[in-house]
Amino acid sequence: MGPDRVLITRPEPGASETAARVADLGCFPILAPFLEIRPTRVRLPSVSQIAAILLASGSAVAPLPAAYHAFRR
């Protein structure tokens, strides 16, 4: 029997890095991303009008305007 197979549904950026780590552990990575990461234009309220920011992925941080990167309450 061959190496254990690991299904990786993470999109790029990051999927290839995860696959390399899985391979280093002696497993066989299978890349099948369920999503495609791409920025979209939205109208955001000013930082002063926000009580909290919840991001589902680290990939969501970079496209945010700089004022949101330093958000602290």
C-alpha atoms as a PDB file:
ATOM      1  CA  MET A   1       0.000   0.000   0.000  1.00  0.00           C
ATOM      2  CA  GLY A   2       1.250   3.512  -0.862  1.00  0.00           C
ATOM      3  CA  PRO A   3       1.512   6.588   1.314  1.00  0.00           C
ATOM      4  CA  ASP A   4      -1.543   7.996   3.044  1.00  0.00           C
ATOM      5  CA  ARG A   5      -3.438  10.407   0.849  1.00  0.00           C
ATOM      6  CA  VAL A   6      -4.396  13.816   2.215  1.00  0.00           C
ATOM      7  CA  LEU A   7      -7.058  15.917   0.510  1.00  0.00           C
ATOM      8  CA  ILE A   8      -6.178  19.626   0.586  1.00  0.00           C
ATOM      9  CA  THR A   9      -9.089  21.947  -0.230  1.00  0.00           C
ATOM     10  CA  ARG A  10      -7.212  25.152   0.592  1.00  0.00           C
ATOM     11  CA  PRO A  11      -6.888  27.609  -2.329  1.00  0.00           C
ATOM     12  CA  GLU A  12      -3.727  29.394  -3.428  1.00  0.00           C
ATOM     13  CA  PRO A  13      -1.951  31.201  -2.008  1.00  0.00           C
ATOM     14  CA  GLY A  14      -1.111  28.551   0.536  1.00  0.00           C
ATOM     15  CA  ALA A  15      -2.249  25.279  -1.026  1.00  0.00           C
ATOM     16  CA  SER A  16       1.147  24.447  -2.543  1.00  0.00           C
ATOM     17  CA  GLU A  17       2.930  25.238   0.716  1.00  0.00           C
ATOM     18  CA  THR A  18       0.513  23.013   2.638  1.00  0.00           C
ATOM     19  CA  ALA A  19       0.985  20.235   0.057  1.00  0.00           C
ATOM     20  CA  ALA A  20       4.766  20.440   0.451  1.00  0.00           C
ATOM     21  CA  ARG A  21       4.463  20.109   4.249  1.00  0.00           C
ATOM     22  CA  VAL A  22       2.131  17.123   3.844  1.00  0.00           C
ATOM     23  CA  ALA A  23       4.603  15.489   1.447  1.00  0.00           C
ATOM     24  CA  ASP A  24       7.445  16.130   3.937  1.00  0.00           C
ATOM     25  CA  LEU A  25       5.423  14.127   6.462  1.00  0.00           C
ATOM     26  CA  GLY A  26       5.451  11.169   4.076  1.00  0.00           C
ATOM     27  CA  CYS A  27       1.886  11.539   2.830  1.00  0.00           C
ATOM     28  CA  PHE A  28       0.588  12.044  -0.698  1.00  0.00           C
ATOM     29  CA  PRO A  29      -1.139  15.454  -1.071  1.00  0.00           C
ATOM     30  CA  ILE A  30      -4.149  15.750  -3.363  1.00  0.00           C
ATOM     31  CA  LEU A  31      -4.875  19.387  -4.239  1.00  0.00           C
ATOM     32  CA  ALA A  32      -8.569  20.134  -4.870  1.00  0.00           C
ATOM     33  CA  PRO A  33      -9.248  23.771  -3.940  1.00  0.00           C
ATOM     34  CA  PHE A  34     -12.907  24.563  -3.319  1.00  0.00           C
ATOM     35  CA  LEU A  35     -12.430  28.324  -3.534  1.00  0.00           C
ATOM     36  CA  GLU A  36     -10.597  30.934  -5.542  1.00  0.00           C
ATOM     37  CA  ILE A  37      -9.271  33.911  -3.600  1.00  0.00           C
ATOM     38  CA  ARG A  38      -9.732  37.223  -5.393  1.00  0.00           C
ATOM     39  CA  PRO A  39     -10.313  40.722  -4.058  1.00  0.00           C
ATOM     40  CA  THR A  40     -13.615  42.441  -4.747  1.00  0.00           C
ATOM     41  CA  ARG A  41     -14.511  46.106  -4.447  1.00  0.00           C
ATOM     42  CA  VAL A  42     -16.786  47.011  -1.557  1.00  0.00           C
ATOM     43  CA  ARG A  43     -17.700  50.234   0.228  1.00  0.00           C
ATOM     44  CA  LEU A  44     -16.472  49.924   3.792  1.00  0.00           C
ATOM     45  CA  PRO A  45     -17.584  52.137   6.680  1.00  0.00           C
ATOM     46  CA  SER A  46     -14.944  54.254   8.362  1.00  0.00           C
ATOM     47  CA  VAL A  47     -12.933  52.540  11.082  1.00  0.00           C
ATOM     48  CA  SER A  48     -14.564  54.820  13.684  1.00  0.00           C
ATOM     49  CA  GLN A  49     -17.951  53.241  12.884  1.00  0.00           C
ATOM     50  CA  ILE A  50     -16.788  49.653  13.414  1.00  0.00           C
ATOM     51  CA  ALA A  51     -16.985  47.735  16.685  1.00  0.00           C
ATOM     52  CA  ALA A  52     -15.132  44.630  15.443  1.00  0.00           C
ATOM     53  CA  ILE A  53     -13.594  43.026  12.384  1.00  0.00           C
ATOM     54  CA  LEU A  54     -13.904  39.280  11.848  1.00  0.00           C
ATOM     55  CA  LEU A  55     -11.997  37.721   8.959  1.00  0.00           C
ATOM     56  CA  ALA A  56     -12.460  34.087   7.960  1.00  0.00           C
ATOM     57  CA  SER A  57      -9.017  33.867   6.358  1.00  0.00           C
ATOM     58  CA  GLY A  58      -5.616  35.455   6.592  1.00  0.00           C
ATOM     59  CA  SER A  59      -5.916  36.069   2.845  1.00  0.00           C
ATOM     60  CA  ALA A  60      -8.552  38.697   3.630  1.00  0.00           C
ATOM     61  CA  VAL A  61      -6.119  40.976   5.471  1.00  0.00           C
ATOM     62  CA  ALA A  62      -3.874  42.215   2.637  1.00  0.00           C
ATOM     63  CA  PRO A  63      -6.665  43.631   0.418  1.00  0.00           C
ATOM     64  CA  LEU A  64      -8.090  45.734   3.281  1.00  0.00           C
ATOM     65  CA  PRO A  65      -7.232  49.454   3.330  1.00  0.00           C
ATOM     66  CA  ALA A  66      -4.286  50.297   5.607  1.00  0.00           C
ATOM     67  CA  ALA A  67      -6.517  51.912   8.258  1.00  0.00           C
ATOM     68  CA  TYR A  68      -8.153  48.536   8.885  1.00  0.00           C
ATOM     69  CA  HIS A  69      -4.816  46.764   9.397  1.00  0.00           C
ATOM     70  CA  ALA A  70      -4.165  48.746  12.564  1.00  0.00           C
ATOM     71  CA  PHE A  71      -7.740  48.411  13.893  1.00  0.00           C
ATOM     72  CA  ARG A  72      -7.734  48.197  17.713  1.00  0.00           C
ATOM     73  CA  ARG A  73     -10.477  48.777  20.253  1.00  0.00           C
END
